[in-house]
Protein backbone atom coordinates (compact mmCIF):
# COMPACT_ATOMS: atom_id res chain seq x y z
CA MET A 1 -22.70 3.19 41.82
CA LYS A 2 -22.97 5.68 44.66
CA VAL A 3 -19.73 7.28 45.82
CA SER A 4 -20.45 6.11 49.35
CA GLU A 5 -20.73 2.50 48.11
CA TYR A 6 -17.53 2.86 46.10
CA ALA A 7 -15.56 4.36 49.00
CA ALA A 8 -16.67 1.59 51.38
CA LEU A 9 -14.76 -1.06 49.40
CA ASP A 10 -11.07 -1.86 49.17
CA ALA A 11 -9.44 -2.67 45.82
CA THR A 12 -10.04 -6.41 46.14
CA GLY A 13 -13.71 -5.79 46.87
CA LEU A 14 -14.13 -3.48 43.87
CA ALA A 15 -12.35 -5.91 41.55
CA GLY A 16 -14.64 -8.70 42.76
CA LEU A 17 -17.76 -6.72 41.84
CA ILE A 18 -16.33 -5.94 38.39
CA ARG A 19 -15.26 -9.56 37.80
CA ARG A 20 -18.72 -10.84 38.72
CA LYS A 21 -20.22 -8.19 36.42
CA GLU A 22 -22.25 -6.72 39.25
CA ILE A 23 -20.92 -3.34 38.19
CA SER A 24 -19.02 -2.11 35.14
CA PRO A 25 -15.48 -0.68 35.11
CA GLN A 26 -16.92 2.55 33.69
CA GLU A 27 -19.29 2.91 36.64
CA VAL A 28 -16.38 2.43 39.03
CA LEU A 29 -14.30 5.00 37.13
CA ASP A 30 -17.20 7.48 37.22
CA ALA A 31 -17.47 7.00 40.99
CA ALA A 32 -13.72 7.50 41.39
CA ILE A 33 -13.79 10.75 39.41
CA GLU A 34 -16.71 12.03 41.46
CA ALA A 35 -14.95 11.02 44.68
CA ILE A 36 -11.72 12.79 43.70
CA GLU A 37 -13.55 15.97 42.77
CA GLN A 38 -15.44 15.84 46.05
CA VAL A 39 -12.48 15.50 48.43
CA ASN A 40 -9.52 17.00 46.61
CA PRO A 41 -10.48 20.68 47.07
CA SER A 42 -9.96 20.16 50.82
CA LEU A 43 -6.75 18.14 50.42
CA ASN A 44 -4.84 19.39 47.37
CA ALA A 45 -3.53 15.86 46.84
CA ILE A 46 -3.91 15.64 43.06
CA VAL A 47 -1.53 17.22 40.57
CA ALA A 48 -2.72 15.97 37.16
CA ARG A 49 -6.00 14.29 36.25
CA THR A 50 -5.69 11.50 33.69
CA TYR A 51 -9.41 10.86 33.28
CA ASP A 52 -9.33 10.79 29.47
CA ALA A 53 -6.48 8.30 29.43
CA ALA A 54 -8.35 6.16 31.98
CA LYS A 55 -11.47 6.15 29.79
CA ALA A 56 -9.35 5.24 26.76
CA GLN A 57 -7.80 2.37 28.72
CA LEU A 58 -11.25 1.00 29.56
CA ALA A 59 -12.32 1.34 25.93
CA LYS A 60 -9.55 -1.10 24.98
CA GLY A 61 -11.05 -3.69 27.31
CA VAL A 62 -10.40 -4.95 30.83
CA ASP A 63 -8.69 -8.24 31.66
CA MET A 64 -11.14 -9.81 34.06
CA ASN A 65 -8.49 -12.27 35.21
CA ALA A 66 -6.28 -9.48 36.54
CA PRO A 67 -6.32 -9.22 40.35
CA PHE A 68 -7.33 -5.53 40.28
CA CYS A 69 -9.36 -5.44 37.06
CA GLY A 70 -10.67 -1.92 36.51
CA VAL A 71 -9.63 -0.59 39.93
CA PRO A 72 -8.85 3.17 40.04
CA PHE A 73 -5.26 4.00 41.00
CA VAL A 74 -3.00 7.03 41.39
CA ILE A 75 0.73 7.27 40.81
CA LYS A 76 3.16 9.50 42.65
CA ASP A 77 4.12 12.70 40.82
CA GLU A 78 7.80 11.76 40.65
CA GLY A 79 7.87 10.85 36.97
CA GLY A 80 9.09 8.08 34.72
CA LEU A 81 6.83 5.26 35.90
CA MET A 82 4.37 5.09 33.00
CA LYS A 83 4.39 6.16 29.37
CA ASP A 84 2.85 9.53 28.46
CA ILE A 85 1.79 10.50 31.99
CA PRO A 86 3.38 13.89 32.75
CA CYS A 87 4.79 14.46 36.23
CA THR A 88 6.30 17.56 37.84
CA LEU A 89 8.35 16.07 40.71
CA GLY A 90 7.01 19.00 42.69
CA THR A 91 9.62 21.28 41.16
CA ARG A 92 9.67 24.30 38.88
CA LEU A 93 12.88 22.82 37.44
CA SER A 94 10.85 20.21 35.54
CA GLY A 95 9.29 22.94 33.37
CA ARG A 96 6.27 21.57 31.53
CA GLY A 97 6.73 18.23 33.23
CA ILE A 98 8.57 14.95 32.92
CA VAL A 99 7.21 12.60 30.26
CA THR A 100 8.64 9.20 29.38
CA ASP A 101 8.10 7.26 26.17
CA HIS A 102 7.93 3.85 27.85
CA ASP A 103 6.68 2.09 30.97
CA THR A 104 9.09 0.91 33.60
CA ILE A 105 8.91 -2.78 34.49
CA LEU A 106 6.98 -1.85 37.62
CA GLY A 107 4.66 0.47 35.68
CA ALA A 108 3.91 -2.32 33.19
CA ARG A 109 3.22 -4.76 36.02
CA PHE A 110 0.83 -2.31 37.68
CA LYS A 111 -1.06 -2.12 34.38
CA LYS A 112 -1.04 -5.90 33.99
CA ALA A 113 -2.50 -6.12 37.50
CA GLY A 114 -5.51 -4.30 36.05
CA VAL A 115 -5.37 -0.88 37.68
CA VAL A 116 -6.61 2.22 35.88
CA VAL A 117 -4.55 5.36 36.53
CA VAL A 118 -6.88 8.29 37.18
CA ALA A 119 -4.43 10.92 38.45
CA THR A 120 -0.96 11.77 39.69
CA ALA A 121 -0.56 12.51 43.39
CA ALA A 122 1.57 15.24 44.94
CA CYS A 123 5.05 14.84 46.39
CA PRO A 124 7.57 17.36 47.81
CA GLU A 125 10.29 18.72 45.54
CA PHE A 126 12.48 15.78 44.49
CA CYS A 127 10.72 13.78 47.25
CA TRP A 128 13.05 15.51 49.70
CA ASN A 129 10.83 16.36 52.66
CA ASN A 130 8.52 14.71 55.17
CA ALA A 131 5.61 17.05 54.39
CA THR A 132 4.11 17.26 50.90
CA GLU A 133 4.30 20.99 50.29
CA THR A 134 5.82 22.77 47.30
CA ILE A 135 5.98 26.18 45.69
CA ARG A 136 4.84 24.62 42.43
CA ASN A 137 1.85 22.56 43.60
CA GLY A 138 0.94 23.95 47.02
CA VAL A 139 0.23 22.29 50.38
CA THR A 140 -1.28 18.81 50.68
CA ARG A 141 -3.44 18.30 53.77
CA ASN A 142 -4.44 15.41 55.99
CA PRO A 143 -8.02 14.11 55.63
CA TRP A 144 -8.17 13.38 59.37
CA ASN A 145 -7.56 17.06 60.08
CA PRO A 146 -6.84 19.44 57.19
CA LYS A 147 -4.88 21.73 59.50
CA LEU A 148 -2.22 18.99 59.60
CA THR A 149 0.15 17.65 56.99
CA SER A 150 -0.40 14.29 55.31
CA GLY A 151 3.31 13.52 55.62
CA GLY A 152 5.74 12.78 52.83
CA SER A 153 7.13 12.19 50.50
CA SER A 154 4.20 10.10 49.20
CA GLY A 155 1.75 12.43 50.93
CA GLY A 156 -0.53 13.03 47.97
CA THR A 157 -1.19 9.34 47.51
CA ALA A 158 -1.70 8.86 51.25
CA ALA A 159 -4.24 11.68 51.49
CA ILE A 160 -6.32 10.67 48.48
CA VAL A 161 -6.39 6.96 49.41
CA ALA A 162 -7.23 7.70 53.06
CA ALA A 163 -10.06 9.95 51.90
CA GLY A 164 -11.65 7.07 49.98
CA ALA A 165 -11.21 8.57 46.51
CA VAL A 166 -9.14 5.60 45.30
CA PRO A 167 -8.59 2.35 47.20
CA MET A 168 -4.82 2.29 46.74
CA GLY A 169 -2.01 4.13 45.02
CA HIS A 170 1.68 4.19 44.20
CA GLY A 171 4.38 5.59 46.47
CA SER A 172 8.12 5.36 46.93
CA ASP A 173 10.17 4.99 50.09
CA GLY A 174 13.79 6.10 50.48
CA GLY A 175 13.70 6.84 54.22
CA GLY A 176 10.10 6.20 55.22
CA SER A 177 8.27 7.98 52.39
CA ILE A 178 5.59 5.31 52.08
CA ARG A 179 5.34 4.41 55.76
CA MET A 180 5.34 7.90 57.29
CA PRO A 181 2.44 9.33 55.23
CA ALA A 182 0.60 6.01 55.52
CA ALA A 183 0.93 6.27 59.31
CA ALA A 184 -0.14 9.93 59.30
CA CYS A 185 -3.23 9.10 57.23
CA GLY A 186 -4.22 5.76 58.76
CA LEU A 187 -3.19 3.41 55.93
CA VAL A 188 -1.27 0.20 55.32
CA GLY A 189 2.12 1.06 53.82
CA LEU A 190 4.74 -1.56 52.95
CA LYS A 191 8.36 -1.02 51.96
CA PRO A 192 9.31 -4.42 50.55
CA THR A 193 12.65 -6.15 50.86
CA ARG A 194 15.40 -4.65 48.71
CA PHE A 195 15.39 -6.06 45.15
CA ARG A 196 11.83 -7.38 45.45
CA ILE A 197 10.44 -4.48 43.39
CA PRO A 198 12.04 -4.02 39.94
CA THR A 199 13.80 -0.77 39.03
CA GLY A 200 14.32 -1.53 35.33
CA PRO A 201 14.71 -0.92 32.55
CA ASP A 202 16.40 2.39 33.37
CA GLY A 203 17.00 2.30 37.12
CA GLY A 204 20.18 1.08 38.71
CA ASP A 205 21.00 -0.05 42.23
CA PRO A 206 17.82 0.43 44.30
CA GLY A 207 19.98 1.47 47.25
CA GLN A 208 17.85 2.72 50.11
CA ALA A 209 14.68 3.21 48.06
CA ALA A 210 11.78 1.00 47.01
CA ASP A 211 8.57 1.73 45.12
CA PHE A 212 5.28 0.09 46.06
CA ILE A 213 1.77 1.07 47.21
CA MET A 214 -0.34 2.34 50.06
CA SER A 215 -3.75 0.78 50.65
CA ARG A 216 -6.53 0.48 53.18
CA SER A 217 -6.23 -3.29 53.72
CA VAL A 218 -3.50 -5.88 54.16
CA ARG A 219 -5.12 -8.12 51.55
CA ASP A 220 -4.77 -5.43 48.88
CA THR A 221 -1.12 -4.94 49.77
CA ALA A 222 -0.43 -8.69 49.67
CA ALA A 223 -2.20 -9.22 46.34
CA MET A 224 -0.37 -6.32 44.72
CA LEU A 225 2.98 -7.66 45.91
CA ASP A 226 2.06 -10.98 44.29
CA ALA A 227 1.36 -9.09 41.07
CA VAL A 228 4.46 -6.89 40.76
CA GLU A 229 7.39 -8.61 42.44
CA GLY A 230 9.77 -10.75 40.44
CA PRO A 231 12.74 -10.77 38.06
CA ASP A 232 14.36 -7.48 37.11
CA PRO A 233 16.46 -8.17 33.99
CA GLY A 234 19.96 -6.76 34.23
CA CYS A 235 19.86 -6.14 37.97
CA TYR A 236 22.61 -7.78 40.00
CA GLY A 237 20.36 -8.54 42.97
CA THR A 238 17.18 -10.50 43.50
CA ALA A 239 14.80 -11.35 46.32
CA GLU A 240 13.62 -14.94 46.44
CA ARG A 241 9.92 -15.36 45.78
CA PRO A 242 7.90 -17.25 48.41
CA THR A 243 6.59 -20.71 47.56
CA ILE A 244 3.06 -19.67 48.58
CA PRO A 245 1.53 -16.39 47.29
CA TYR A 246 1.29 -13.60 49.85
CA SER A 247 -2.47 -13.41 49.31
CA GLN A 248 -2.74 -17.00 50.54
CA VAL A 249 -0.18 -16.71 53.33
CA ILE A 250 -2.11 -13.91 55.04
CA GLN A 251 -5.23 -16.05 55.38
CA LYS A 252 -3.61 -18.04 58.18
CA ASP A 253 -2.19 -16.79 61.48
CA PRO A 254 1.59 -16.94 61.86
CA PRO A 255 3.21 -19.36 64.31
CA ARG A 256 4.22 -18.12 67.74
CA LEU A 257 6.77 -15.38 67.13
CA ARG A 258 9.59 -13.84 69.12
CA ILE A 259 9.12 -10.08 68.80
CA ALA A 260 11.35 -7.23 69.95
CA TYR A 261 9.70 -3.88 70.61
CA MET A 262 11.08 -0.36 71.09
CA LEU A 263 9.77 2.37 73.39
CA ARG A 264 12.51 4.81 72.36
CA THR A 265 14.91 5.06 69.45
CA PRO A 266 17.77 2.55 69.28
CA TYR A 267 20.22 5.35 70.05
CA GLY A 268 18.41 6.51 73.18
CA ASP A 269 16.29 9.44 72.00
CA VAL A 270 12.83 9.68 73.54
CA TYR A 271 9.88 9.73 71.14
CA GLU A 272 8.36 13.22 71.23
CA ASN A 273 4.76 12.14 71.58
CA HIS A 274 3.95 9.96 74.58
CA GLU A 275 0.87 8.59 72.83
CA CYS A 276 3.16 6.93 70.27
CA VAL A 277 4.88 5.06 73.11
CA GLU A 278 1.54 4.06 74.64
CA ALA A 279 0.45 2.82 71.20
CA VAL A 280 3.39 0.40 71.11
CA LYS A 281 2.55 -0.83 74.61
CA SER A 282 -1.03 -1.44 73.51
CA ALA A 283 0.17 -3.29 70.41
CA VAL A 284 2.46 -5.42 72.57
CA GLY A 285 -0.49 -6.33 74.79
CA LEU A 286 -2.46 -7.41 71.73
CA LEU A 287 0.46 -9.43 70.36
CA GLU A 288 0.92 -11.22 73.68
CA SER A 289 -2.80 -12.01 73.81
CA LEU A 290 -2.35 -13.66 70.40
CA GLY A 291 0.36 -15.90 71.84
CA HIS A 292 3.53 -14.12 70.73
CA ILE A 293 6.59 -13.56 72.94
CA CYS A 294 7.44 -9.84 73.20
CA VAL A 295 10.72 -8.49 74.57
CA GLU A 296 11.81 -4.86 74.89
CA ASP A 297 15.12 -4.67 73.06
CA TYR A 298 17.05 -2.31 70.80
CA PRO A 299 19.34 -2.90 67.82
CA PRO A 300 22.90 -1.53 68.05
CA LEU A 301 22.39 1.65 66.05
CA ASP A 302 24.35 4.88 66.48
CA VAL A 303 22.56 8.16 65.79
CA HIS A 304 25.37 9.23 63.45
CA TYR A 305 24.26 6.69 60.87
CA HIS A 306 21.77 9.36 59.77
CA GLU A 307 24.66 11.57 58.64
CA ALA A 308 26.02 8.82 56.38
CA ARG A 309 22.54 8.06 55.09
CA ILE A 310 21.79 11.69 54.24
CA LEU A 311 25.17 12.17 52.57
CA VAL A 312 24.53 9.23 50.25
CA GLN A 313 20.98 10.40 49.54
CA SER A 314 22.15 13.95 48.86
CA VAL A 315 24.61 12.81 46.21
CA GLY A 316 21.90 10.72 44.56
CA THR A 317 19.42 13.60 44.66
CA ASN A 318 21.98 15.91 43.07
CA ALA A 319 22.32 13.51 40.16
CA TRP A 320 18.51 13.44 39.88
CA ILE A 321 18.34 17.25 39.91
CA GLU A 322 20.93 17.47 37.15
CA ARG A 323 19.11 14.89 34.98
CA VAL A 324 15.86 16.84 35.28
CA ALA A 325 17.62 20.12 34.46
CA LYS A 326 19.13 18.54 31.37
CA GLY A 327 15.73 17.32 30.28
CA SER A 328 13.91 20.61 30.83
CA GLY A 329 16.72 22.88 29.64
CA LEU A 330 16.25 25.09 32.70
CA PRO A 331 19.09 26.31 34.93
CA ILE A 332 19.56 24.99 38.47
CA SER A 333 19.06 28.09 40.58
CA GLU A 334 17.06 29.73 43.37
CA ASP A 335 14.39 30.40 40.75
CA THR A 336 13.91 26.73 39.88
CA LEU A 337 14.60 25.02 43.24
CA GLU A 338 13.13 25.75 46.66
CA PRO A 339 15.53 27.57 49.00
CA LEU A 340 16.59 24.68 51.24
CA VAL A 341 16.71 22.19 48.38
CA TYR A 342 18.96 24.57 46.47
CA LYS A 343 21.24 25.06 49.49
CA ALA A 344 21.40 21.29 50.00
CA TYR A 345 22.26 20.87 46.32
CA LEU A 346 25.17 23.31 46.61
CA GLU A 347 26.48 21.59 49.75
CA ALA A 348 26.27 18.13 48.22
CA ARG A 349 28.35 19.26 45.25
CA ASN A 350 31.29 19.46 47.65
CA VAL A 351 31.07 15.83 48.78
CA THR A 352 34.29 14.02 47.88
CA ALA A 353 34.48 10.51 46.48
CA SER A 354 36.31 9.32 49.59
CA ALA A 355 33.59 10.75 51.85
CA TYR A 356 30.92 9.03 49.78
CA VAL A 357 32.70 5.67 49.95
CA ALA A 358 33.22 6.07 53.70
CA ALA A 359 29.51 6.79 54.17
CA LYS A 360 28.58 3.71 52.16
CA SER A 361 30.92 1.63 54.32
CA GLU A 362 29.29 2.95 57.48
CA LEU A 363 25.85 2.01 56.15
CA THR A 364 27.13 -1.47 55.31
CA LYS A 365 28.12 -1.88 58.97
CA VAL A 366 24.59 -0.81 60.01
CA MET A 367 23.17 -3.43 57.66
CA ARG A 368 25.38 -6.18 59.12
CA ASP A 369 24.75 -5.16 62.74
CA LEU A 370 20.99 -5.14 62.23
CA GLY A 371 21.15 -8.48 60.50
CA GLN A 372 22.87 -10.00 63.51
CA PHE A 373 20.34 -8.41 65.87
CA MET A 374 17.45 -9.88 63.88
CA GLU A 375 18.95 -13.37 64.24
CA HIS A 376 17.46 -13.29 67.76
CA TYR A 377 13.97 -12.13 66.73
CA ASP A 378 11.37 -12.81 64.07
CA ILE A 379 9.94 -9.29 64.14
CA LEU A 380 10.80 -5.81 65.46
CA ILE A 381 8.02 -3.31 66.22
CA SER A 382 7.99 0.38 67.08
CA PRO A 383 5.91 3.50 66.42
CA THR A 384 6.19 4.34 62.73
CA MET A 385 6.64 7.99 63.71
CA GLY A 386 7.60 9.26 67.14
CA ILE A 387 5.32 12.26 66.70
CA MET A 388 1.81 13.02 65.50
CA PRO A 389 1.35 14.81 62.14
CA LEU A 390 2.54 18.41 62.34
CA GLU A 391 0.94 21.66 61.24
CA ALA A 392 0.48 21.99 57.49
CA GLY A 393 2.11 24.84 55.58
CA PHE A 394 5.23 25.35 57.69
CA TYR A 395 7.56 22.32 57.71
CA ASN A 396 8.82 22.60 54.15
CA PRO A 397 11.91 23.75 52.22
CA PHE A 398 10.55 27.19 51.32
CA SER A 399 8.81 28.72 54.37
CA ARG A 400 12.09 29.41 56.19
CA PRO A 401 14.73 30.12 53.55
CA GLU A 402 17.28 31.26 56.14
CA MET A 403 17.30 27.86 57.88
CA PRO A 404 20.66 26.00 57.72
CA VAL A 405 20.51 22.73 55.81
CA HIS A 406 21.79 20.82 58.85
CA ASP A 407 18.85 22.07 60.93
CA TRP A 408 16.45 21.08 58.17
CA VAL A 409 17.92 17.57 58.17
CA LEU A 410 17.51 17.31 61.94
CA GLU A 411 13.92 18.51 61.65
CA ARG A 412 13.13 15.83 59.07
CA ARG A 413 14.64 13.22 61.36
CA ARG A 414 11.99 14.02 63.98
CA TRP A 415 9.39 12.42 61.75
CA SER A 416 11.07 9.22 60.81
CA GLY A 417 11.03 7.30 64.09
CA ASN A 418 12.84 4.19 62.92
CA THR A 419 11.70 4.07 59.29
CA ALA A 420 15.05 4.98 57.74
CA MET A 421 16.78 2.07 59.43
CA CYS A 422 15.06 -0.47 57.17
CA ASN A 423 15.91 1.56 54.07
CA VAL A 424 19.56 1.16 54.95
CA THR A 425 19.30 -2.53 55.81
CA GLY A 426 16.92 -3.54 53.04
CA GLN A 427 14.49 -5.20 55.48
CA PRO A 428 10.77 -5.43 54.75
CA SER A 429 8.90 -2.88 56.84
CA ILE A 430 5.20 -2.11 57.06
CA THR A 431 3.03 0.35 58.96
CA VAL A 432 -0.51 -0.55 60.01
CA PRO A 433 -3.12 1.78 61.58
CA LEU A 434 -3.49 -0.22 64.76
CA GLU A 435 -3.82 2.54 67.37
CA TRP A 436 -5.49 5.96 67.77
CA SER A 437 -4.71 9.14 69.66
CA LYS A 438 -7.03 10.80 72.17
CA GLU A 439 -7.96 13.27 69.41
CA GLY A 440 -8.91 10.40 67.10
CA LEU A 441 -5.85 10.52 64.86
CA PRO A 442 -4.31 7.27 63.59
CA ILE A 443 -1.03 6.07 65.08
CA GLY A 444 0.90 3.72 62.84
CA ILE A 445 2.72 0.72 64.25
CA GLU A 446 5.79 -0.32 62.28
CA ILE A 447 6.49 -4.02 61.82
CA ASP A 448 9.96 -4.91 60.55
CA GLY A 449 11.05 -8.38 59.46
CA ARG A 450 14.25 -10.08 58.47
CA VAL A 451 15.53 -9.46 54.95
CA GLY A 452 13.43 -11.48 52.52
CA GLU A 453 10.67 -12.29 55.01
CA ASP A 454 7.97 -10.02 53.58
CA ALA A 455 5.50 -12.90 53.83
CA LEU A 456 5.84 -13.09 57.62
CA VAL A 457 5.50 -9.32 57.96
CA LEU A 458 2.27 -9.41 55.95
CA GLN A 459 1.01 -12.48 57.78
CA LEU A 460 1.42 -10.83 61.18
CA SER A 461 -0.14 -7.60 59.86
CA ALA A 462 -3.18 -9.54 58.65
CA GLN A 463 -3.49 -11.27 62.03
CA LEU A 464 -3.49 -7.88 63.75
CA GLU A 465 -6.05 -6.53 61.27
CA ARG A 466 -8.37 -9.43 62.08
CA ALA A 467 -7.85 -8.95 65.80
CA LYS A 468 -8.36 -5.18 65.74
CA PRO A 469 -10.03 -4.17 62.45
CA TRP A 470 -9.63 -0.64 61.12
CA ALA A 471 -11.79 -0.87 57.97
CA GLY A 472 -14.59 1.19 59.49
CA CYS A 473 -12.34 3.99 60.75
CA HIS A 474 -12.71 6.89 58.32
CA PRO A 475 -11.33 10.43 58.49
CA GLU A 476 -13.16 13.72 58.67
CA ILE A 477 -12.83 14.18 54.90
CA TYR A 478 -14.11 11.03 53.21
CA ALA A 479 -15.72 10.42 49.84
CA GLY A 480 -19.48 9.96 49.81
CA ARG A 481 -20.19 11.76 53.07
């Protein structure tokens, strides 16, 4: 199989060829390895290659009934997802790496879906930045323009998938960390409804975060959600499964929808890049041509909700840092953490229990207010990011060690557009590469649904993909060229 043939197919297409025995899983794996080695020197998206483990997995046999039988896949370098795959979390604090002796429920379901893990993909230190750049693993670059960042925190996965080296890969999203890099790299990136993706057997309350994938097609995203969602033993929450599989739902257009759209942030800030606003207007025109009712409207969201959100995240990240330090036996210091991450760690140690509870209460109010707003609409759309991807190698926690943590937080907020809102509320939220800048860069459009209505979000995304296909839009750096 030629690399160019391999890179032209999405995961569903590759699995179909394997299932029909038109090509072998080994041939697909060989093409994936060649593709990775071709594009990664320009991107620095890969941390660890797991080629031997992938070959051993194929030697045990491939379940041809699995939806993604033999399809190459990468997992984010955050650790703990799958047995015996070492991850660094982008930090020197992890020492020789984080290795777990068991699969998580999600990791096991990925494997059952048939994917073959070929590598781990870069993330910022403790996933705590919107550009994937670390002292330990270097700078990850955007395949559309390697002078730009691929975004974060799932920026390694976004870059390697967008470059055609694998058709999809794992990411996690605690404030936009699937959707922002997916938007920056021209991919489909879904953050599912809270509780839809399992966190067991070790994880607790999913809070603002959700793990899932980035892909190049809505059908791959829908089929993977069919494969991995479901019961999470021991978890207090659950998301009701749809009566019809997502992969079937997306084959039909949705009914006429009432859609709210935003041309600025809910709290009145102007999006930095005017092309992002024009992209929403273009998307609205397309939606109206498809018969939907579109209304400019804004949820009641105060800008200060970010402060509560970051406080809660900071406390959680501190606990994560301390767990990793305990595992590696290394001290938490300026020698093991990047300068701004270390300063943020020290500040978060001073958060009181009462301040934490107050922040959680404020986020609960955001959740309730947004829920009431969405009673009037089926869907809310906006630019995924209010800016275009920024220069690579500068917007990270180590290039400007003198920077105050508060300024770093404000800088990160520039990226997020409205992504963090749905992490707080638990709503399903997807980005699709529907629009393009004058320079030919992708502009992601975010589609948010009501809690639990992932099926409608995917159905509308698939309708837009049919109306304005993006499958043939490839970046400057693409496998097989």
